[in-house]
Structure formats: C-alpha cells, structure tokens
Amino acid sequence: MRPKTDNNQTVGCFGGFRLCSHLGGRKNQAQKILATPRARPASSTEQDKKVTILFHNRLRSPKKTINSILDELQPELYTLSMAIHDHPEIAFQERYARDTLIAFMRRHEFNITSEYLGLETAWRAEYSYGSGGKVIGINSEMDALKRIGHACGHNLIAASGCGIAVALKAVLETHDIPGKVILLGTPAEECGGGKILLLQRGAYDEMDFCLMSHPGPGHPHSFDIGSTTAVQTFEVEYLGTGAHAGVAPWEGINALDAAFLAYSSLSVLRQQMKPTHRSHGIVEGRDWISNVIPDNARLRWQVRAPTYDELSVLADRVRKCFEAAALATGCTVKIDQELPYYDLKNNLVLARIFSRVVQTKYGQSVTTNDSAASTDFGNVSYCVTSVAIPTEPHGGNHTPAFTKASATKEAHAAAMIATRGLALTALCILQNDELFQEMKASSAIVRST
C-alpha cells in the first residue's frame, strides 16, 4: 500500500549537483487540483519558451539581483561551509552547525526559531515581505557520518540553503515582490529521519514549494534530476544465555549464532531479489570473548527498493529472516523498524526549469539517472513537489575521498551553481502564475501514479 500522509503536509523535491536539489508544493493544493478539471501541464518545449521569455523580459533585473547578492556572499558561504566541515557532528548532535547557521541567518535579518518543533538541533529562519504571495521553503542539512565526517557533503548543502534564502530575500525586498522565505535547518538525514519528524509535526505545511541541493559523484559541470530509492532500516537484537564455551556450551543459547543465521538467510535471499533492490548491514555485540557463549548480538540492517511499495514487500521478507533465526536458536528477538525513507517524487516542471537555467546560464549538463542512495526528503516529496540534482567528480558519497572533496574550492563552486540555479528556479515560479499552476498540476499527476 502507498503510505498515508497528513492532508496538510507539503510536497518536496530532491536533487544532486554531482552535487543535488529538491523542490515542492502544498499537498492540500495538489489534492484540490486532482479533484477538479485541469489543463494538462505544458510540454517541456512550451515551458522552455516561457522560461526563456521570462529571463529576457520580466526577470532580467531580479536575476541580476540574485547573481549580485550571491557574488557578494560567495566568500562568506565558503567560510560557513568550511566551518561546518571542520566540526562534523552526527545525527541530532549538530549543535555547532545549528548555532553557526543561525548566527549567519540572524546577520541577514531573518526571524529565527531554535529547537524547532521539539527537535533540539532543528531550526527555522523566516523572512516575510508584504502581504500574500508565495511561500518558498528551503532545506539546510547539517549532520555528518561517524568516523568519516562530512562524507556526504552536508556542509555544502547547509551553505547552499543559506545562500538561496538570502538571495530570495534580496529579490523580494528590491523588486517589491510579496512572499515568504522559510529555511529549515534539518538534522539527522543520515539516520533518524529528521525531515520526516519535521514533516509529521507540520514544518512543511505552509510551503508552496521547497528547494534543496545535495552533492553526489558524477561528471564535472553536471547535474542530475533522477529519483532516489526507498529504504527501511532495522535494529535487531538477539538475547540468549551465556555459558562456558569449553566446559558446558550446551547450557548456553547462542545469540551470535542467531545473528549469523539471520545474516546467512539474508545472503541467500539476495538470489531472489531484483537487481534494483539492495540488502546490507552489520553485526555487533557487547563484551564478546571467545570462551563464552555470546548472550547478545545486534544487527543494523537496511533494505532498499526503487519505490516505497516495492520496499514494503521486501522489508516483510527480511523481517521473516530475523524471526526465523530466533526460532532456530531459541533466542528472543526484538525487531525495531525505523521510519522508512520513501523514494523521491520529482516535479517535472521544476526540474525542467532548473535544467533550462543551469544549461543556458551556466553551461551545465543535466541527466536523469536514478540513484540507489536514499534521502528523508523522499517523504517530503510524497506530499510536496520534488526535483533532484547531483556534482563531484572523485570518490563516491560515504567515503573518505568524498570528505576531502567536499572541502575543496571546486566542490564549493559547484554548490554555488546549484544555489544560483535553485534561486532562479524559485524566481520563475514567484513571477509566473501559469508556471506555478503547472508545477502544482504536475505534482498531483506524479503522486496519483
């Protein structure tokens, strides 16, 4: 079954600019579109023409404002990115990043809410101009990976989000455009589902659409607007009975045996898995020694599939492997399923606008290659309009090589192109109601399939 979502949740998008981007819109608006007759979304050629005309006419001056403010901000954003890179913090512990980013946004006259919606390291920066207008959402991720630091480039995401927000604030003020900009500091993307928790608590409800970038491996000067996979994480604990392994092993119940039976079952299951599915994890334990039957063992396991519906079926099969291992060994088992990350639902209108901007203005190539990685922004995209944009040429995500790459001037330059591209994409939607309606219609169609 497709997951249930709250009627007030927002729609989102994810992308990677070998470094990535997300764009989204209000779900309740999309539902109204589904319930009423609507014109089909314009073709990509028609949308390209609209964007070209916009940039040559109405958007020429606002476009200059965005590029000018980002030119000025570039050194400061690089410093911001490097400060976070040099202070890596894991999920829900991003206190330095939170404080550093909040200080930056306060300097640029945003209203700040810290410990947003009950999450200690989440925060919200808001700026409103005039009355009415569209509400633009942006995400800044902050967390790093244990032991290898910012091997997913969240320092670049954080700085990019700040840059987009400040640039759009300048456009609203300078060109007398009513609207609101909301930047969310989102914790715990690597594990814990920070955006899912914020989504459930209403953080995205007010947004008409939501923007984000994410780095990933790829060719230089390229972006990707493909999807990402859905992922389910399991925490499995086996409890047995300890005994002397040499004197009386029959008195023990071996929790490690249970863990390895589960591991073996999962390995065998791979033969029947589709090529697009993934199964991977680790085995851990407390105070193991070789001459004592282990009375505890844990697995942290993840399974992935291209869609949430496929993931649900695969996760059920995997859970049975855990249960069978406990039955075979006599151990007790506790199985916790964390919040699933859904696949990414890209908004085609936003993706095309972004593609047109970065191709024509910045000479970037754009592909639509789906990624086997996952993001908690996928959940937002089920309720808010979405787009993905990956860019970094050496060393894939979650490797020490990517940690080094995410601190380079080249990575920062790529992130700044993503920042400009997303800010200009938002500008197109702000200034053209027809494109705005097409964006909402496209989201409704994607989510109904």
Protein backbone atom coordinates (compact mmCIF):
# COMPACT_ATOMS: atom_id res chain seq x y z
CA MET A 1 0.00 0.00 0.00
CA ARG A 2 1.05 3.57 -0.58
CA PRO A 3 1.92 5.32 2.71
CA LYS A 4 -0.68 7.55 4.29
CA THR A 5 0.17 11.21 4.63
CA ASP A 6 -1.35 14.07 6.54
CA ASN A 7 -3.55 16.33 4.46
CA ASN A 8 -1.57 19.39 5.50
CA GLN A 9 1.88 18.09 4.57
CA THR A 10 3.91 19.82 1.88
CA VAL A 11 5.34 18.34 -1.33
CA GLY A 12 9.12 18.27 -1.87
CA CYS A 13 11.92 17.68 -4.34
CA PHE A 14 15.44 16.34 -4.17
CA GLY A 15 18.40 16.80 -6.45
CA GLY A 16 22.09 16.34 -6.71
CA PHE A 17 24.71 18.54 -8.25
CA ARG A 18 27.10 15.67 -8.56
CA LEU A 19 26.28 17.99 -6.08
CA CYS A 20 21.52 17.62 -5.70
CA SER A 21 18.14 19.65 -5.45
CA HIS A 22 14.58 19.36 -4.12
CA LEU A 23 11.51 21.39 -4.97
CA GLY A 24 7.94 21.03 -3.64
CA GLY A 25 4.41 22.44 -3.12
CA ARG A 26 1.48 22.19 -0.70
CA LYS A 27 -0.28 18.86 -0.70
CA ASN A 28 -3.71 20.21 0.05
CA GLN A 29 -3.46 22.43 -3.02
CA ALA A 30 -2.44 19.45 -5.14
CA GLN A 31 -5.42 17.48 -3.85
CA LYS A 32 -7.75 20.25 -4.99
CA ILE A 33 -6.20 20.02 -8.45
CA LEU A 34 -6.84 16.27 -8.53
CA ALA A 35 -10.47 16.83 -7.57
CA THR A 36 -11.19 19.43 -10.25
CA PRO A 37 -10.79 19.56 -14.04
CA ARG A 38 -7.43 20.91 -15.13
CA ALA A 39 -5.47 21.51 -18.27
CA ARG A 40 -2.59 19.20 -18.95
CA PRO A 41 0.82 20.54 -17.91
CA ALA A 42 2.58 22.36 -20.71
CA SER A 43 5.14 20.41 -22.71
CA SER A 44 8.84 20.79 -21.95
CA THR A 45 9.25 22.87 -25.13
CA GLU A 46 6.43 25.21 -24.10
CA GLN A 47 7.91 25.54 -20.60
CA ASP A 48 11.37 26.24 -22.02
CA LYS A 49 9.91 29.05 -24.11
CA LYS A 50 8.18 30.53 -21.07
CA VAL A 51 11.38 30.42 -19.02
CA THR A 52 13.39 31.99 -21.85
CA ILE A 53 10.86 34.80 -22.28
CA LEU A 54 10.75 35.35 -18.52
CA PHE A 55 14.50 35.73 -18.25
CA HIS A 56 14.70 38.06 -21.24
CA ASN A 57 11.87 40.28 -20.06
CA ARG A 58 10.38 40.35 -16.54
CA LEU A 59 13.21 38.56 -14.72
CA ARG A 60 16.22 40.35 -16.15
CA SER A 61 16.56 42.77 -13.24
CA PRO A 62 15.64 40.29 -10.44
CA LYS A 63 18.07 37.79 -11.98
CA LYS A 64 20.83 40.37 -11.71
CA THR A 65 19.90 40.89 -8.06
CA ILE A 66 20.26 37.17 -7.32
CA ASN A 67 23.60 36.89 -9.09
CA SER A 68 24.90 40.07 -7.49
CA ILE A 69 24.00 39.06 -3.92
CA LEU A 70 25.46 35.58 -4.41
CA ASP A 71 28.65 37.07 -5.82
CA GLU A 72 28.93 39.09 -2.62
CA LEU A 73 28.04 36.13 -0.40
CA GLN A 74 30.34 33.57 -2.01
CA PRO A 75 33.38 34.07 0.29
CA GLU A 76 31.14 34.11 3.37
CA LEU A 77 29.29 30.96 2.26
CA TYR A 78 32.61 29.19 1.66
CA THR A 79 33.72 30.11 5.19
CA LEU A 80 30.38 28.88 6.53
CA SER A 81 30.70 25.57 4.68
CA MET A 82 34.27 25.00 5.86
CA ALA A 83 33.40 25.80 9.49
CA ILE A 84 30.75 23.06 9.45
CA HIS A 85 33.03 20.68 7.54
CA ASP A 86 35.74 21.11 10.19
CA HIS A 87 33.29 20.40 13.06
CA PRO A 88 31.47 17.21 11.99
CA GLU A 89 28.53 16.21 14.19
CA ILE A 90 26.38 13.09 13.87
CA ALA A 91 22.58 12.86 13.88
CA PHE A 92 20.72 15.02 16.42
CA GLN A 93 24.01 16.35 17.81
CA GLU A 94 24.51 19.16 15.28
CA ARG A 95 24.79 21.91 17.88
CA TYR A 96 27.80 23.71 16.42
CA ALA A 97 26.27 23.64 12.94
CA ARG A 98 22.92 24.85 14.29
CA ASP A 99 24.47 27.76 16.16
CA THR A 100 26.76 28.72 13.27
CA LEU A 101 23.99 28.70 10.69
CA ILE A 102 21.54 30.53 12.95
CA ALA A 103 24.13 33.26 13.57
CA PHE A 104 24.58 33.68 9.81
CA MET A 105 20.85 33.95 9.16
CA ARG A 106 20.38 36.41 12.05
CA ARG A 107 23.03 38.66 10.49
CA HIS A 108 20.90 38.69 7.37
CA GLU A 109 17.79 39.72 9.34
CA PHE A 110 15.80 36.51 9.34
CA ASN A 111 13.50 35.67 12.24
CA ILE A 112 14.83 32.58 13.99
CA THR A 113 13.11 29.75 15.83
CA SER A 114 15.61 27.44 17.53
CA GLU A 115 14.83 23.91 18.80
CA TYR A 116 12.10 23.95 16.18
CA LEU A 117 9.05 21.73 16.81
CA GLY A 118 10.69 19.99 19.75
CA LEU A 119 13.88 18.88 17.96
CA GLU A 120 16.92 20.29 19.76
CA THR A 121 19.10 20.84 16.70
CA ALA A 122 16.34 21.75 14.22
CA TRP A 123 15.74 25.42 13.48
CA ARG A 124 13.69 27.71 11.25
CA ALA A 125 14.71 31.03 9.68
CA GLU A 126 11.87 33.11 8.18
CA TYR A 127 11.58 36.33 6.25
CA SER A 128 8.31 37.87 5.02
CA TYR A 129 7.80 40.79 2.68
CA GLY A 130 4.45 42.42 2.00
CA SER A 131 1.18 40.55 2.31
CA GLY A 132 0.20 37.41 0.47
CA GLY A 133 2.48 35.99 -2.15
CA LYS A 134 4.02 32.55 -2.42
CA VAL A 135 5.83 30.70 0.36
CA ILE A 136 9.23 29.29 -0.59
CA GLY A 137 10.74 26.51 1.50
CA ILE A 138 14.43 25.58 1.60
CA ASN A 139 16.36 22.87 3.48
CA SER A 140 19.84 23.01 5.01
CA GLU A 141 21.15 19.63 6.18
CA MET A 142 23.85 19.55 8.85
CA ASP A 143 24.78 16.06 10.07
CA ALA A 144 27.96 14.13 9.33
CA LEU A 145 28.89 10.45 9.35
CA LYS A 146 30.51 8.69 12.26
CA ARG A 147 34.30 8.43 11.87
CA ILE A 148 34.48 9.83 8.33
CA GLY A 149 32.92 13.26 8.85
CA HIS A 150 31.19 15.15 6.05
CA ALA A 151 31.45 12.32 3.54
CA CYS A 152 28.02 13.23 2.15
CA GLY A 153 28.74 16.94 1.74
CA HIS A 154 26.09 18.28 4.10
CA ASN A 155 28.34 21.27 4.79
CA LEU A 156 27.75 22.27 1.16
CA ILE A 157 24.00 21.69 1.49
CA ALA A 158 23.86 23.87 4.59
CA ALA A 159 25.71 26.77 2.97
CA SER A 160 23.72 26.47 -0.26
CA GLY A 161 20.42 26.65 1.62
CA CYS A 162 21.53 29.83 3.36
CA GLY A 163 22.62 31.34 0.06
CA ILE A 164 19.29 30.59 -1.64
CA ALA A 165 17.34 32.09 1.26
CA VAL A 166 19.35 35.33 1.45
CA ALA A 167 19.28 35.79 -2.34
CA LEU A 168 15.50 35.38 -2.45
CA LYS A 169 15.07 37.79 0.46
CA ALA A 170 17.01 40.38 -1.55
CA VAL A 171 14.75 39.82 -4.58
CA LEU A 172 11.56 40.26 -2.54
CA GLU A 173 12.84 43.49 -0.98
CA THR A 174 14.49 45.03 -4.04
CA HIS A 175 11.73 44.32 -6.52
CA ASP A 176 8.71 44.74 -4.24
CA ILE A 177 7.54 41.13 -4.61
CA PRO A 178 5.30 39.88 -1.77
CA GLY A 179 6.18 36.49 -0.35
CA LYS A 180 7.79 34.49 2.41
CA VAL A 181 11.07 32.56 2.59
CA ILE A 182 11.40 29.71 5.11
CA LEU A 183 14.75 27.99 5.62
CA LEU A 184 14.70 24.83 7.74
CA GLY A 185 17.78 23.50 9.47
CA THR A 186 17.08 19.77 9.20
CA PRO A 187 19.00 17.38 11.46
CA ALA A 188 19.67 13.65 11.19
CA GLU A 189 19.42 12.86 7.49
CA GLU A 190 21.96 10.04 7.66
CA CYS A 191 19.90 8.22 10.26
CA GLY A 192 16.91 9.27 12.32
CA GLY A 193 14.80 10.89 9.59
CA GLY A 194 14.89 14.48 10.81
CA LYS A 195 12.82 15.76 7.89
CA ILE A 196 10.24 13.03 8.45
CA LEU A 197 9.78 14.15 12.04
CA LEU A 198 9.51 17.78 10.93
CA LEU A 199 7.05 16.77 8.22
CA GLN A 200 4.88 14.92 10.72
CA ARG A 201 4.90 17.96 13.00
CA GLY A 202 3.82 20.40 10.29
CA ALA A 203 7.08 22.11 9.33
CA TYR A 204 6.31 21.95 5.61
CA ASP A 205 2.59 22.72 5.75
CA GLU A 206 2.90 26.40 4.89
CA MET A 207 5.24 25.99 1.93
CA ASP A 208 4.10 26.24 -1.68
CA PHE A 209 7.30 24.58 -2.81
CA CYS A 210 10.61 23.54 -1.26
CA LEU A 211 14.19 23.73 -2.56
CA MET A 212 17.33 21.83 -1.68
CA SER A 213 20.65 20.71 -3.14
CA HIS A 214 22.72 17.59 -2.44
CA PRO A 215 26.21 16.62 -3.63
CA GLY A 216 26.96 13.32 -5.27
CA PRO A 217 29.54 11.69 -7.57
CA GLY A 218 29.39 12.46 -11.28
CA HIS A 219 30.98 14.22 -14.20
CA PRO A 220 32.25 17.76 -13.67
CA HIS A 221 29.80 20.52 -14.62
CA SER A 222 26.80 18.23 -14.38
CA PHE A 223 23.54 17.91 -12.52
CA ASP A 224 21.09 15.04 -12.20
CA ILE A 225 17.31 15.16 -11.76
CA GLY A 226 16.68 11.44 -11.25
CA SER A 227 14.97 9.78 -8.30
CA THR A 228 16.37 8.00 -5.24
CA THR A 229 15.45 4.69 -3.62
CA ALA A 230 13.21 3.98 -0.65
CA VAL A 231 14.99 2.48 2.36
CA GLN A 232 13.91 0.65 5.53
CA THR A 233 16.32 0.35 8.46
CA PHE A 234 16.05 -2.44 11.02
CA GLU A 235 17.59 -2.57 14.51
CA VAL A 236 17.54 -6.23 15.57
CA GLU A 237 18.65 -7.52 18.97
CA TYR A 238 19.02 -11.22 19.88
CA LEU A 239 19.21 -12.25 23.53
CA GLY A 240 20.39 -15.68 24.63
CA THR A 241 22.13 -17.24 27.63
CA GLY A 242 25.85 -17.15 28.35
CA ALA A 243 27.86 -20.28 29.23
CA HIS A 244 31.45 -21.53 29.29
CA ALA A 245 32.19 -22.35 25.66
CA GLY A 246 34.55 -25.19 26.56
CA VAL A 247 33.11 -26.69 29.75
CA ALA A 248 29.34 -26.53 29.17
CA PRO A 249 28.38 -24.95 25.84
CA TRP A 250 25.07 -26.88 25.89
CA GLU A 251 23.95 -24.69 28.76
CA GLY A 252 24.10 -21.60 26.55
CA ILE A 253 21.77 -20.09 23.99
CA ASN A 254 24.00 -18.50 21.38
CA ALA A 255 22.83 -15.05 20.30
CA LEU A 256 25.71 -14.77 17.86
CA ASP A 257 24.51 -17.93 16.13
CA ALA A 258 21.13 -16.27 15.70
CA ALA A 259 22.74 -13.18 14.18
CA PHE A 260 24.74 -15.26 11.73
CA LEU A 261 21.77 -17.41 10.79
CA ALA A 262 19.90 -14.22 10.01
CA TYR A 263 22.90 -12.93 8.05
CA SER A 264 23.07 -16.18 6.08
CA SER A 265 19.34 -16.11 5.35
CA LEU A 266 19.61 -12.57 4.11
CA SER A 267 22.55 -13.51 1.90
CA VAL A 268 20.54 -16.38 0.40
CA LEU A 269 17.58 -14.06 -0.11
CA ARG A 270 19.69 -11.88 -2.40
CA GLN A 271 19.45 -14.58 -5.08
CA GLN A 272 15.72 -13.92 -5.31
CA MET A 273 15.98 -10.14 -5.08
CA LYS A 274 15.56 -7.89 -8.11
CA PRO A 275 18.75 -6.23 -9.42
CA THR A 276 17.36 -2.85 -8.34
CA HIS A 277 16.94 -3.96 -4.70
CA ARG A 278 19.63 -3.77 -2.02
CA SER A 279 20.27 -5.51 1.32
CA HIS A 280 23.20 -4.61 3.57
CA GLY A 281 24.16 -4.22 7.22
CA ILE A 282 26.47 -5.03 10.12
CA VAL A 283 26.61 -7.37 13.15
CA GLU A 284 27.61 -6.02 16.56
CA GLY A 285 27.77 -7.23 20.16
CA ARG A 286 28.69 -6.30 23.73
CA ASP A 287 31.60 -7.78 25.69
CA TRP A 288 32.16 -10.79 23.47
CA ILE A 289 35.05 -13.11 24.34
CA SER A 290 35.97 -16.31 22.56
CA ASN A 291 35.46 -18.72 25.51
CA VAL A 292 31.97 -17.53 26.47
CA ILE A 293 28.79 -18.29 24.51
CA PRO A 294 27.55 -14.84 23.45
CA ASP A 295 24.30 -13.90 25.17
CA ASN A 296 23.69 -10.88 22.93
CA ALA A 297 24.05 -9.86 19.32
CA ARG A 298 22.69 -6.99 17.24
CA LEU A 299 22.21 -6.31 13.57
CA ARG A 300 21.70 -2.93 11.99
CA TRP A 301 20.28 -3.74 8.58
CA GLN A 302 18.96 -1.75 5.64
CA VAL A 303 16.99 -2.77 2.56
CA ARG A 304 16.29 -0.56 -0.43
CA ALA A 305 13.97 -0.63 -3.43
CA PRO A 306 13.09 1.84 -6.19
CA THR A 307 9.63 2.57 -4.72
CA TYR A 308 8.02 2.51 -1.31
CA ASP A 309 5.53 -0.13 -2.45
CA GLU A 310 8.33 -2.49 -3.51
CA LEU A 311 10.21 -1.74 -0.30
CA SER A 312 7.24 -2.79 1.84
CA VAL A 313 7.20 -6.25 0.25
CA LEU A 314 10.98 -6.68 0.56
CA ALA A 315 11.00 -5.49 4.19
CA ASP A 316 8.40 -8.12 5.11
CA ARG A 317 10.58 -10.89 3.66
CA VAL A 318 13.62 -9.58 5.52
CA ARG A 319 11.76 -9.41 8.82
CA LYS A 320 10.90 -13.11 8.48
CA CYS A 321 14.62 -13.90 8.19
CA PHE A 322 15.20 -12.23 11.57
CA GLU A 323 12.30 -14.06 13.17
CA ALA A 324 13.33 -17.44 11.75
CA ALA A 325 16.85 -17.12 13.19
CA ALA A 326 15.43 -16.56 16.67
CA LEU A 327 13.15 -19.58 16.32
CA ALA A 328 16.01 -21.82 15.16
CA THR A 329 18.36 -20.90 18.03
CA GLY A 330 15.90 -20.41 20.88
CA CYS A 331 16.87 -16.77 21.33
CA THR A 332 14.46 -13.97 21.98
CA VAL A 333 14.47 -11.21 19.39
CA LYS A 334 13.49 -7.55 19.40
CA ILE A 335 12.98 -6.01 15.95
CA ASP A 336 12.65 -2.25 15.61
CA GLN A 337 11.83 -0.72 12.22
CA GLU A 338 12.89 2.89 11.95
CA LEU A 339 10.91 5.45 9.96
CA PRO A 340 11.19 4.42 6.30
CA TYR A 341 12.64 6.84 3.79
CA TYR A 342 10.41 6.98 0.69
CA ASP A 343 11.57 7.20 -2.89
CA LEU A 344 11.85 10.66 -4.38
CA LYS A 345 8.92 12.09 -6.36
CA ASN A 346 10.38 14.68 -8.72
CA ASN A 347 8.31 17.56 -10.03
CA LEU A 348 8.88 17.64 -13.77
CA VAL A 349 8.03 21.32 -14.20
CA LEU A 350 10.53 22.44 -11.59
CA ALA A 351 13.12 20.01 -12.91
CA ARG A 352 12.75 21.40 -16.41
CA ILE A 353 13.00 24.98 -15.21
CA PHE A 354 16.13 24.19 -13.23
CA SER A 355 17.61 22.26 -16.15
CA ARG A 356 16.97 25.12 -18.52
CA VAL A 357 18.55 27.62 -16.13
CA VAL A 358 21.78 25.73 -15.45
CA GLN A 359 22.20 24.64 -19.07
CA THR A 360 21.69 28.05 -20.64
CA LYS A 361 23.10 30.30 -17.93
CA TYR A 362 25.93 28.20 -16.52
CA GLY A 363 26.84 25.68 -19.22
CA GLN A 364 25.99 22.60 -17.14
CA SER A 365 24.84 19.24 -18.46
CA VAL A 366 21.74 17.62 -16.93
CA THR A 367 20.95 13.89 -16.73
CA THR A 368 18.10 11.81 -15.29
CA ASN A 369 19.95 8.89 -13.71
CA ASP A 370 18.19 7.37 -10.71
CA SER A 371 20.35 6.85 -7.62
CA ALA A 372 20.49 3.81 -5.33
CA ALA A 373 21.04 6.20 -2.42
CA SER A 374 18.16 7.36 -0.23
CA THR A 375 17.03 10.56 1.50
CA ASP A 376 14.43 11.51 4.07
CA PHE A 377 13.42 14.25 1.65
CA GLY A 378 11.69 11.50 -0.29
CA ASN A 379 8.98 11.52 2.39
CA VAL A 380 8.52 15.25 1.92
CA SER A 381 8.25 14.71 -1.84
CA TYR A 382 5.26 12.40 -1.36
CA CYS A 383 3.42 15.43 -0.03
CA VAL A 384 5.37 18.33 -1.65
CA THR A 385 6.53 18.86 -5.30
CA SER A 386 10.05 17.41 -5.96
CA VAL A 387 13.25 17.56 -8.11
CA ALA A 388 16.78 16.06 -7.75
CA ILE A 389 20.11 17.49 -8.88
CA PRO A 390 23.59 15.63 -8.17
CA THR A 391 28.18 17.01 -8.76
CA GLU A 392 31.60 16.00 -7.67
CA PRO A 393 33.95 14.04 -9.83
CA HIS A 394 36.10 11.97 -7.46
CA GLY A 395 35.10 9.47 -4.77
CA GLY A 396 31.51 8.50 -4.10
CA ASN A 397 29.42 9.58 -1.13
CA HIS A 398 30.15 7.98 2.25
CA THR A 399 33.86 7.57 1.54
CA PRO A 400 36.90 9.40 2.96
CA ALA A 401 37.58 10.66 -0.56
CA PHE A 402 34.24 12.47 -0.58
CA THR A 403 35.00 14.01 2.82
CA LYS A 404 38.11 15.59 1.29
CA ALA A 405 36.27 16.55 -1.88
CA SER A 406 33.50 18.35 -0.01
CA ALA A 407 36.10 20.77 1.38
CA THR A 408 37.55 21.79 -1.98
CA LYS A 409 37.07 25.06 -3.82
CA GLU A 410 35.80 23.05 -6.81
CA ALA A 411 33.01 21.50 -4.74
CA HIS A 412 32.07 24.91 -3.37
CA ALA A 413 31.96 26.33 -6.91
CA ALA A 414 29.61 23.53 -7.99
CA ALA A 415 27.44 24.13 -4.93
CA MET A 416 27.22 27.82 -5.80
CA ILE A 417 25.96 27.00 -9.28
CA ALA A 418 23.29 24.81 -7.67
CA THR A 419 22.48 27.71 -5.34
CA ARG A 420 22.09 30.16 -8.23
CA GLY A 421 20.09 27.66 -10.26
CA LEU A 422 17.64 26.95 -7.46
CA ALA A 423 17.24 30.62 -6.56
CA LEU A 424 16.48 31.44 -10.21
CA THR A 425 14.07 28.50 -10.43
CA ALA A 426 12.20 29.89 -7.43
CA LEU A 427 12.19 33.31 -9.10
CA CYS A 428 10.46 31.84 -12.18
CA ILE A 429 7.71 30.38 -10.00
CA LEU A 430 7.39 33.58 -7.98
CA GLN A 431 6.91 35.71 -11.09
CA ASN A 432 4.77 33.46 -13.27
CA ASP A 433 1.42 32.20 -12.02
CA GLU A 434 0.97 29.99 -15.07
CA LEU A 435 4.18 28.07 -14.30
CA PHE A 436 3.12 27.91 -10.66
CA GLN A 437 -0.17 26.24 -11.62
CA GLU A 438 1.62 23.85 -13.97
CA MET A 439 4.01 22.93 -11.14
CA LYS A 440 1.09 22.05 -8.87
CA ALA A 441 -0.68 20.09 -11.60
CA SER A 442 2.48 18.12 -12.32
CA SER A 443 2.85 17.19 -8.65
CA ALA A 444 -0.72 15.97 -8.49
CA ILE A 445 -0.20 13.74 -11.51
CA VAL A 446 3.06 12.27 -10.18
CA ARG A 447 1.57 11.45 -6.78
CA SER A 448 -1.53 9.85 -8.27
CA THR A 449 0.52 7.27 -10.20
